[in-house]
Amino acid sequence: ILFILVLSKTRSLEATICPANDDMIRDLKGFDLNYTYPCMYSGFVEVEHETDSNLFYWFFRHENGDRQAPLVFWINGGPGSSSMLGNFLENGPLRLIQDEQTGNITVHSVKGQAWSAIANLVFVDQPIGVGFSYGHRNITEGKQIGEYIVQFFKGFYQKFPDMKQNALYISGESYGGKYLPGIASAIIDYNKNASETERILLKGVLIGNGFVDPITQRLSIRQLSLGIGYAQFDSLPE
């Protein structure tokens, strides 16, 4: 399924109350104006100049404008899944609604039901080549992914300097269980040599249904089911 959304930066309704920059989405084609228009921004962050490598992001500020709320970074898994799946289908504040009669798609916001109700939320397509992210370098190692995400945050904070002092939580699902530990390690390594003002304030890692160690996870299903009370001893084979 291909969703084509046109992001125009020419007109503003409720978005006029949002801090403005060049990546601000002032008008989202198809948005139903009966719903609250979020403070949102989208664009690219260059992560390697020599290879013209750029990561695509979509950023939502806290829905009530809480500047002190943590920043949550979200990636989908795959590998190869666009994080716009999480944006529109999981924890983001926008939903695509298709009219059964006309087939037309409108965009609604779900205020109070998304993670942006408690945090500033940024979705990133990664690694290079996934979703709208592009470049001329093939990513083959987790270390490269981590290094690119460090560069992403450095560029992101240049665009949104007010987010730099907020607690950061990196999160994701599925193959994110492979991505996120490496990203966290890259941030920690970067911080060792960074000045206090340049450090990335990583506070935690959130992994849902993570593909971390598939063999160990598969062999632990029985113990997990018993431990959380999902199954009884007499209902599972040895």
Protein backbone atom coordinates (compact mmCIF):
# COMPACT_ATOMS: atom_id res chain seq x y z
CA ILE A 1 0.00 0.00 0.00
CA LEU A 2 1.44 3.33 -1.03
CA PHE A 3 0.30 6.44 0.79
CA ILE A 4 1.28 9.70 -0.85
CA LEU A 5 1.03 12.70 1.44
CA VAL A 6 1.80 16.19 0.21
CA LEU A 7 3.50 18.30 2.85
CA SER A 8 3.00 21.94 2.03
CA LYS A 9 4.69 24.77 3.91
CA THR A 10 2.56 27.69 2.78
CA ARG A 11 -0.50 28.00 5.00
CA SER A 12 -1.13 27.77 8.71
CA LEU A 13 -4.12 27.34 10.99
CA GLU A 14 -3.47 26.23 14.55
CA ALA A 15 0.17 25.70 13.58
CA THR A 16 0.76 29.46 13.93
CA ILE A 17 1.18 28.93 17.68
CA CYS A 18 4.02 26.47 17.08
CA PRO A 19 7.69 27.48 17.09
CA ALA A 20 8.50 27.96 13.43
CA ASN A 21 11.43 26.77 11.36
CA ASP A 22 12.00 25.79 7.73
CA ASP A 23 10.78 22.22 8.31
CA MET A 24 7.47 23.18 9.90
CA ILE A 25 4.42 21.55 8.28
CA ARG A 26 2.00 24.44 8.05
CA ASP A 27 -0.53 22.60 5.94
CA LEU A 28 -1.04 18.84 5.58
CA LYS A 29 -3.06 17.96 2.49
CA GLY A 30 -6.16 15.98 3.41
CA PHE A 31 -6.16 17.00 7.08
CA ASP A 32 -9.66 17.19 8.55
CA LEU A 33 -9.87 20.64 10.14
CA ASN A 34 -12.48 19.39 12.62
CA TYR A 35 -9.52 17.90 14.49
CA THR A 36 -6.70 19.62 16.37
CA TYR A 37 -3.78 20.37 14.07
CA PRO A 38 -0.55 19.16 15.71
CA CYS A 39 2.72 21.06 15.99
CA MET A 40 4.72 19.02 13.48
CA TYR A 41 7.81 19.24 11.35
CA SER A 42 9.32 17.06 8.67
CA GLY A 43 12.43 17.01 6.54
CA PHE A 44 15.90 15.56 6.23
CA VAL A 45 19.03 15.59 8.38
CA GLU A 46 22.33 15.10 6.59
CA VAL A 47 24.37 12.41 8.35
CA GLU A 48 27.29 12.09 5.91
CA HIS A 49 28.17 14.83 3.45
CA GLU A 50 30.57 12.82 1.27
CA THR A 51 27.90 10.26 0.35
CA ASP A 52 24.94 12.67 0.38
CA SER A 53 23.33 10.51 3.07
CA ASN A 54 20.20 11.98 4.66
CA LEU A 55 17.71 10.59 7.16
CA PHE A 56 14.04 11.54 6.86
CA TYR A 57 12.19 12.49 10.05
CA TRP A 58 8.73 13.55 11.18
CA PHE A 59 8.67 15.37 14.52
CA PHE A 60 5.68 16.12 16.74
CA ARG A 61 5.95 18.45 19.68
CA HIS A 62 4.16 17.57 22.91
CA GLU A 63 0.48 18.12 22.21
CA ASN A 64 0.11 20.55 25.12
CA GLY A 65 3.33 22.40 24.33
CA ASP A 66 5.34 21.03 27.27
CA ARG A 67 8.88 22.08 26.35
CA GLN A 68 10.34 20.08 29.26
CA ALA A 69 8.75 16.78 28.25
CA PRO A 70 11.20 14.08 27.16
CA LEU A 71 12.11 13.51 23.54
CA VAL A 72 11.20 10.03 22.30
CA PHE A 73 12.91 8.72 19.16
CA TRP A 74 11.01 5.91 17.37
CA ILE A 75 12.10 3.44 14.71
CA ASN A 76 10.29 0.49 13.20
CA GLY A 77 12.05 -2.79 12.52
CA GLY A 78 12.02 -5.06 9.52
CA PRO A 79 14.81 -4.68 8.75
CA GLY A 80 13.64 -2.26 6.10
CA SER A 81 10.36 -1.02 7.59
CA SER A 82 9.61 2.68 7.37
CA SER A 83 8.97 4.34 10.72
CA MET A 84 5.98 6.04 9.12
CA LEU A 85 4.19 2.77 9.94
CA GLY A 86 4.61 3.63 13.60
CA ASN A 87 3.65 7.22 12.88
CA PHE A 88 0.31 6.47 11.19
CA LEU A 89 -0.63 3.04 12.53
CA GLU A 90 0.79 2.76 16.04
CA ASN A 91 1.88 5.48 18.44
CA GLY A 92 1.81 8.70 16.40
CA PRO A 93 -0.92 11.37 16.63
CA LEU A 94 -2.15 11.07 13.01
CA ARG A 95 -4.46 8.52 11.42
CA LEU A 96 -5.31 7.95 7.75
CA ILE A 97 -9.05 7.41 7.28
CA GLN A 98 -10.43 6.12 3.99
CA ASP A 99 -14.01 6.93 3.01
CA GLU A 100 -15.76 3.67 2.12
CA GLN A 101 -17.91 5.37 -0.49
CA THR A 102 -15.43 7.59 -2.33
CA GLY A 103 -12.12 5.99 -1.44
CA ASN A 104 -10.77 9.41 -0.48
CA ILE A 105 -8.28 9.52 2.37
CA THR A 106 -8.41 12.16 5.09
CA VAL A 107 -6.04 12.68 7.99
CA HIS A 108 -7.30 12.89 11.57
CA SER A 109 -5.42 13.62 14.77
CA VAL A 110 -5.90 11.53 17.92
CA LYS A 111 -5.15 13.99 20.69
CA GLY A 112 -4.64 12.34 24.06
CA GLN A 113 -4.18 8.87 22.56
CA ALA A 114 -0.66 9.08 21.09
CA TRP A 115 2.76 9.18 22.71
CA SER A 116 2.84 12.89 21.93
CA ALA A 117 0.43 13.27 24.86
CA ILE A 118 3.37 12.66 27.20
CA ALA A 119 6.46 13.39 25.10
CA ASN A 120 7.97 15.15 22.14
CA LEU A 121 8.04 12.44 19.48
CA VAL A 122 10.28 11.99 16.44
CA PHE A 123 9.94 9.20 13.86
CA VAL A 124 13.00 8.46 11.72
CA ASP A 125 13.32 6.35 8.58
CA GLN A 126 16.55 4.40 8.91
CA PRO A 127 18.97 3.04 7.86
CA ILE A 128 19.78 4.82 4.60
CA GLY A 129 17.55 3.49 1.83
CA VAL A 130 14.53 2.86 4.05
CA GLY A 131 11.42 4.94 3.47
CA PHE A 132 12.30 8.46 2.36
CA SER A 133 15.89 8.33 3.64
CA TYR A 134 18.49 8.32 0.90
CA GLY A 135 22.21 8.33 0.18
CA HIS A 136 25.02 6.72 -1.76
CA ARG A 137 26.39 4.41 0.90
CA ASN A 138 25.24 0.87 1.60
CA ILE A 139 24.78 0.24 5.31
CA THR A 140 25.95 -3.26 6.22
CA GLU A 141 26.94 -3.03 9.89
CA GLY A 142 25.20 -2.04 13.09
CA LYS A 143 28.12 0.22 13.96
CA GLN A 144 27.43 2.34 10.88
CA ILE A 145 23.78 2.65 11.87
CA GLY A 146 24.72 3.87 15.34
CA GLU A 147 27.19 6.41 13.97
CA TYR A 148 24.58 7.78 11.56
CA ILE A 149 22.02 8.16 14.34
CA VAL A 150 24.54 10.11 16.42
CA GLN A 151 24.97 12.43 13.44
CA PHE A 152 21.20 12.61 13.10
CA PHE A 153 20.80 13.88 16.65
CA LYS A 154 23.54 16.46 16.17
CA GLY A 155 21.69 17.79 13.12
CA PHE A 156 18.27 17.48 14.74
CA TYR A 157 19.37 19.57 17.72
CA GLN A 158 20.60 22.26 15.35
CA LYS A 159 17.09 22.44 13.93
CA PHE A 160 15.43 22.22 17.36
CA PRO A 161 17.88 23.61 19.94
CA ASP A 162 15.18 23.72 22.61
CA MET A 163 15.11 19.89 22.58
CA LYS A 164 18.82 19.51 23.34
CA GLN A 165 18.45 19.60 27.12
CA ASN A 166 15.45 17.28 27.25
CA ALA A 167 15.82 13.69 28.39
CA LEU A 168 16.07 11.37 25.38
CA TYR A 169 14.55 7.92 25.12
CA ILE A 170 15.22 5.82 22.01
CA SER A 171 12.50 3.32 21.20
CA GLY A 172 11.30 0.85 18.61
CA GLU A 173 9.95 -2.60 17.96
CA SER A 174 10.77 -5.89 16.26
CA TYR A 175 14.20 -5.63 14.58
CA GLY A 176 14.61 -2.47 16.61
CA GLY A 177 15.76 -4.96 19.24
CA LYS A 178 18.92 -5.24 17.14
CA TYR A 179 19.16 -1.57 16.15
CA LEU A 180 18.57 0.12 19.49
CA PRO A 181 21.31 -1.44 21.67
CA GLY A 182 23.84 -0.52 18.98
CA ILE A 183 22.47 3.01 18.74
CA ALA A 184 22.63 3.39 22.52
CA SER A 185 26.22 2.13 22.50
CA ALA A 186 27.16 4.62 19.77
CA ILE A 187 25.64 7.49 21.77
CA ILE A 188 27.51 6.43 24.92
CA ASP A 189 30.79 6.23 22.98
CA TYR A 190 30.15 9.66 21.45
CA ASN A 191 29.41 11.19 24.86
CA LYS A 192 32.75 9.96 26.26
CA ASN A 193 34.62 12.44 24.08
CA ALA A 194 31.98 15.16 23.75
CA SER A 195 31.94 18.34 25.79
CA GLU A 196 29.22 18.70 28.39
CA THR A 197 27.22 21.02 26.13
CA GLU A 198 27.47 18.63 23.16
CA ARG A 199 26.45 15.42 24.90
CA ILE A 200 23.30 13.59 23.87
CA LEU A 201 21.18 13.17 26.99
CA LEU A 202 20.20 9.53 26.56
CA LYS A 203 18.16 8.35 29.56
CA GLY A 204 16.71 5.05 28.42
CA VAL A 205 15.91 2.49 25.73
CA LEU A 206 12.38 1.20 25.04
CA ILE A 207 12.07 -2.03 23.04
CA GLY A 208 8.70 -3.59 22.22
CA ASN A 209 8.50 -7.19 21.01
CA GLY A 210 12.18 -6.93 20.27
CA PHE A 211 14.12 -9.25 17.97
CA VAL A 212 17.12 -9.23 20.28
CA ASP A 213 18.38 -12.82 20.52
CA PRO A 214 15.90 -15.01 18.61
CA ILE A 215 17.26 -18.40 19.68
CA THR A 216 17.32 -17.51 23.37
CA GLN A 217 13.92 -15.84 23.12
CA ARG A 218 12.37 -18.82 21.35
CA LEU A 219 13.72 -21.30 23.88
CA SER A 220 12.49 -19.12 26.75
CA ILE A 221 8.83 -18.94 25.70
CA ARG A 222 7.81 -21.72 28.09
CA GLN A 223 9.51 -20.15 31.11
CA LEU A 224 8.16 -16.72 30.20
CA SER A 225 4.59 -17.99 29.82
CA LEU A 226 4.77 -19.67 33.21
CA GLY A 227 6.46 -16.73 34.89
CA ILE A 228 3.87 -14.17 33.85
CA GLY A 229 0.95 -16.49 34.61
CA TYR A 230 -0.09 -16.84 30.97
CA ALA A 231 0.07 -20.64 31.25
CA GLN A 232 -0.06 -23.25 34.02
CA PHE A 233 2.50 -25.98 34.62
CA ASP A 234 0.08 -28.73 33.63
CA SER A 235 -0.84 -27.06 30.33
CA LEU A 236 2.63 -26.95 28.77
CA PRO A 237 4.78 -29.86 27.62
CA GLU A 238 8.28 -30.21 28.97
